Each structure stands twice: as C-alpha cells, then as structure tokens.
C-alpha cells in the first residue's frame, strides 16, 4: 500500500489524530495491520468503500482487537487515550483500529487474519 493510499484510505477518514500535512514517522499498529492485510490481498481497497465510523462497532470488538493490535502498538504505553491506561472520556481508538473493527464487523476479514 502506497503512503498516499495509506493516508487516504486509513488515516484521513478514520483517525481523529491525523493532521493534514504533518509528517508522522510512526503509524499506529492498527493502520500497519490494515496495510499488511491489503498488501496480502485479503482486502481490496479499490472495491471496499470507506465505511462509516460507528463507536458501537469498535466497542464490540475492543477486547479481541486489543489483544492482537494494541499491546504491540508504539502509541499504547504513553499516547493512547482509548486503551493505554485510563480511558479518557469518549476517546476514539486510532484509525487503524476503527478500520479493522469495521472490516471484521462487515465480514471482510476474520480475527485470525489480524492475529
């Protein structure tokens, strides 16, 4: 997945932390996992449209995804308001986490794909 596609399909539509034009050296583990699934041909972003964010979806899959995505994320220990330490208010997960939850909810991937 090219950097442009990565930003257009994962970061821009899903990530509340994405800042246009700001250089980010690290990507969240969720976005990296989504990119790997695309690169392996498990999801075709040319066919699958951007799906609508819905908090009930990521809340339903929070525990399963956290076990495979969040614990190894570079943002988890100090920068994650959603999973790292105490949850702050209505904090959203990273864009990659949201996208993985949406793909799973819509039957586009299996949890084994994320593992």
C-alpha atoms as a PDB file:
ATOM      1  CA  UNK A   1       0.000   0.000   0.000  1.00  0.00           C
ATOM      2  CA  UNK A   2       1.490   3.325  -1.004  1.00  0.00           C
ATOM      3  CA  UNK A   3       1.853   6.103   1.564  1.00  0.00           C
ATOM      4  CA  UNK A   4      -0.780   8.143  -0.273  1.00  0.00           C
ATOM      5  CA  UNK A   5      -3.274   5.259  -0.318  1.00  0.00           C
ATOM      6  CA  UNK A   6      -2.459   4.546   3.325  1.00  0.00           C
ATOM      7  CA  UNK A   7      -3.315   8.112   4.312  1.00  0.00           C
ATOM      8  CA  UNK A   8      -6.334   8.382   2.003  1.00  0.00           C
ATOM      9  CA  UNK A   9      -7.931   5.083   2.985  1.00  0.00           C
ATOM     10  CA  UNK A  10      -6.907   4.650   6.632  1.00  0.00           C
ATOM     11  CA  UNK A  11      -5.729   7.854   8.293  1.00  0.00           C
ATOM     12  CA  UNK A  12      -7.789  10.638   6.748  1.00  0.00           C
ATOM     13  CA  UNK A  13     -11.269   9.067   7.083  1.00  0.00           C
ATOM     14  CA  UNK A  14     -10.840   7.229  10.390  1.00  0.00           C
ATOM     15  CA  UNK A  15      -8.153   8.772  12.553  1.00  0.00           C
ATOM     16  CA  UNK A  16      -9.015  11.659  14.861  1.00  0.00           C
ATOM     17  CA  UNK A  17      -5.272  12.138  15.382  1.00  0.00           C
ATOM     18  CA  UNK A  18      -4.389  12.607  11.697  1.00  0.00           C
ATOM     19  CA  UNK A  19      -3.134  16.094  10.897  1.00  0.00           C
ATOM     20  CA  UNK A  20      -3.047  17.048   7.224  1.00  0.00           C
ATOM     21  CA  UNK A  21       0.425  17.958   6.042  1.00  0.00           C
ATOM     22  CA  UNK A  22       2.090  16.993   9.312  1.00  0.00           C
ATOM     23  CA  UNK A  23       4.887  14.467   8.932  1.00  0.00           C
ATOM     24  CA  UNK A  24       4.377  11.440  11.146  1.00  0.00           C
ATOM     25  CA  UNK A  25       7.225   8.979  11.448  1.00  0.00           C
ATOM     26  CA  UNK A  26       5.171   6.332  13.218  1.00  0.00           C
ATOM     27  CA  UNK A  27       1.908   4.727  12.225  1.00  0.00           C
ATOM     28  CA  UNK A  28      -0.391   3.072  14.710  1.00  0.00           C
ATOM     29  CA  UNK A  29      -0.245  -0.706  14.832  1.00  0.00           C
ATOM     30  CA  UNK A  30      -3.855  -0.886  13.601  1.00  0.00           C
ATOM     31  CA  UNK A  31      -3.005   1.013  10.427  1.00  0.00           C
ATOM     32  CA  UNK A  32       0.082  -1.125   9.893  1.00  0.00           C
ATOM     33  CA  UNK A  33      -2.024  -4.293  10.291  1.00  0.00           C
ATOM     34  CA  UNK A  34      -4.652  -2.979   7.859  1.00  0.00           C
ATOM     35  CA  UNK A  35      -1.936  -2.148   5.339  1.00  0.00           C
ATOM     36  CA  UNK A  36      -0.475  -5.655   5.628  1.00  0.00           C
ATOM     37  CA  UNK A  37      -3.907  -7.210   5.041  1.00  0.00           C
ATOM     38  CA  UNK A  38      -4.306  -5.079   1.905  1.00  0.00           C
ATOM     39  CA  UNK A  39      -0.802  -5.942   0.695  1.00  0.00           C
ATOM     40  CA  UNK A  40      -1.543  -9.662   1.186  1.00  0.00           C
ATOM     41  CA  UNK A  41      -4.674  -9.324  -0.936  1.00  0.00           C
ATOM     42  CA  UNK A  42      -7.143 -10.065   1.870  1.00  0.00           C
ATOM     43  CA  UNK A  43      -8.914  -6.727   1.391  1.00  0.00           C
ATOM     44  CA  UNK A  44      -9.144  -4.789  -1.865  1.00  0.00           C
ATOM     45  CA  UNK A  45      -9.432  -1.067  -1.087  1.00  0.00           C
ATOM     46  CA  UNK A  46     -10.335  -0.491  -4.730  1.00  0.00           C
ATOM     47  CA  UNK A  47     -13.560  -2.421  -4.172  1.00  0.00           C
ATOM     48  CA  UNK A  48     -14.309  -1.823  -0.483  1.00  0.00           C
ATOM     49  CA  UNK A  49     -15.555   1.718   0.018  1.00  0.00           C
ATOM     50  CA  UNK A  50     -14.691   3.796   3.061  1.00  0.00           C
ATOM     51  CA  UNK A  51     -17.088   2.587   5.741  1.00  0.00           C
ATOM     52  CA  UNK A  52     -18.883   4.807   8.221  1.00  0.00           C
ATOM     53  CA  UNK A  53     -17.340   5.204  11.683  1.00  0.00           C
ATOM     54  CA  UNK A  54     -19.602   3.928  14.422  1.00  0.00           C
ATOM     55  CA  UNK A  55     -18.453   3.671  18.035  1.00  0.00           C
ATOM     56  CA  UNK A  56     -20.626   0.647  18.798  1.00  0.00           C
ATOM     57  CA  UNK A  57     -18.610  -1.352  16.252  1.00  0.00           C
ATOM     58  CA  UNK A  58     -15.211  -0.737  17.786  1.00  0.00           C
ATOM     59  CA  UNK A  59     -16.601  -1.138  21.296  1.00  0.00           C
ATOM     60  CA  UNK A  60     -17.938  -4.616  20.376  1.00  0.00           C
ATOM     61  CA  UNK A  61     -14.549  -5.760  19.125  1.00  0.00           C
ATOM     62  CA  UNK A  62     -12.370  -3.808  21.554  1.00  0.00           C
ATOM     63  CA  UNK A  63     -11.090  -6.740  23.605  1.00  0.00           C
ATOM     64  CA  UNK A  64     -10.391  -9.096  20.696  1.00  0.00           C
ATOM     65  CA  UNK A  65      -8.586  -6.472  18.640  1.00  0.00           C
ATOM     66  CA  UNK A  66      -6.690  -5.064  21.613  1.00  0.00           C
ATOM     67  CA  UNK A  67      -5.114  -8.427  22.274  1.00  0.00           C
ATOM     68  CA  UNK A  68      -3.632  -8.552  18.776  1.00  0.00           C
ATOM     69  CA  UNK A  69      -3.170  -4.915  17.846  1.00  0.00           C
ATOM     70  CA  UNK A  70      -2.877  -2.545  20.796  1.00  0.00           C
ATOM     71  CA  UNK A  71      -0.415  -4.304  23.072  1.00  0.00           C
ATOM     72  CA  UNK A  72       2.377  -4.012  20.471  1.00  0.00           C
ATOM     73  CA  UNK A  73       1.478  -0.507  19.251  1.00  0.00           C
ATOM     74  CA  UNK A  74       4.152   2.163  19.755  1.00  0.00           C
ATOM     75  CA  UNK A  75       1.471   4.619  20.933  1.00  0.00           C
ATOM     76  CA  UNK A  76      -0.084   2.278  23.522  1.00  0.00           C
ATOM     77  CA  UNK A  77       2.080   2.932  26.593  1.00  0.00           C
ATOM     78  CA  UNK A  78       2.103   6.728  26.630  1.00  0.00           C
ATOM     79  CA  UNK A  79      -0.122   8.197  23.966  1.00  0.00           C
ATOM     80  CA  UNK A  80      -3.239   6.012  23.729  1.00  0.00           C
ATOM     81  CA  UNK A  81      -6.260   7.533  25.452  1.00  0.00           C
ATOM     82  CA  UNK A  82      -8.503   4.700  24.207  1.00  0.00           C
ATOM     83  CA  UNK A  83      -6.632   1.646  25.527  1.00  0.00           C
ATOM     84  CA  UNK A  84      -3.467   2.786  27.261  1.00  0.00           C
ATOM     85  CA  UNK A  85      -4.062   3.149  30.974  1.00  0.00           C
ATOM     86  CA  UNK A  86      -7.224   5.006  31.869  1.00  0.00           C
ATOM     87  CA  UNK A  87      -9.675   5.692  29.084  1.00  0.00           C
ATOM     88  CA  UNK A  88     -10.251   9.423  28.744  1.00  0.00           C
ATOM     89  CA  UNK A  89     -13.874  10.395  28.173  1.00  0.00           C
ATOM     90  CA  UNK A  90     -15.140   9.410  24.760  1.00  0.00           C
ATOM     91  CA  UNK A  91     -11.675   8.786  23.333  1.00  0.00           C
ATOM     92  CA  UNK A  92     -11.683   7.187  19.914  1.00  0.00           C
ATOM     93  CA  UNK A  93      -9.257   4.443  19.012  1.00  0.00           C
ATOM     94  CA  UNK A  94      -6.717   5.023  16.271  1.00  0.00           C
ATOM     95  CA  UNK A  95      -7.905   4.976  12.687  1.00  0.00           C
ATOM     96  CA  UNK A  96      -6.409   1.554  12.008  1.00  0.00           C
ATOM     97  CA  UNK A  97      -8.266   0.035  14.954  1.00  0.00           C
ATOM     98  CA  UNK A  98     -11.534   1.553  13.719  1.00  0.00           C
ATOM     99  CA  UNK A  99     -10.951   0.240  10.202  1.00  0.00           C
ATOM    100  CA  UNK A 100     -10.067  -3.278  11.384  1.00  0.00           C
ATOM    101  CA  UNK A 101     -13.218  -3.356  13.535  1.00  0.00           C
ATOM    102  CA  UNK A 102     -15.336  -2.237  10.560  1.00  0.00           C
ATOM    103  CA  UNK A 103     -13.786  -4.831   8.249  1.00  0.00           C
ATOM    104  CA  UNK A 104     -14.352  -7.550  10.842  1.00  0.00           C
ATOM    105  CA  UNK A 105     -17.934  -6.427  11.529  1.00  0.00           C
ATOM    106  CA  UNK A 106     -18.696  -6.500   7.796  1.00  0.00           C
ATOM    107  CA  UNK A 107     -17.165  -9.955   7.274  1.00  0.00           C
ATOM    108  CA  UNK A 108     -14.254  -8.702   5.167  1.00  0.00           C
ATOM    109  CA  UNK A 109     -11.647 -10.191   7.496  1.00  0.00           C
ATOM    110  CA  UNK A 110     -11.545 -12.822  10.224  1.00  0.00           C
ATOM    111  CA  UNK A 111      -9.930 -12.335  13.607  1.00  0.00           C
ATOM    112  CA  UNK A 112      -7.397 -14.975  12.554  1.00  0.00           C
ATOM    113  CA  UNK A 113      -6.285 -12.575   9.789  1.00  0.00           C
ATOM    114  CA  UNK A 114      -5.437  -9.960  12.412  1.00  0.00           C
ATOM    115  CA  UNK A 115      -3.708 -12.443  14.686  1.00  0.00           C
END
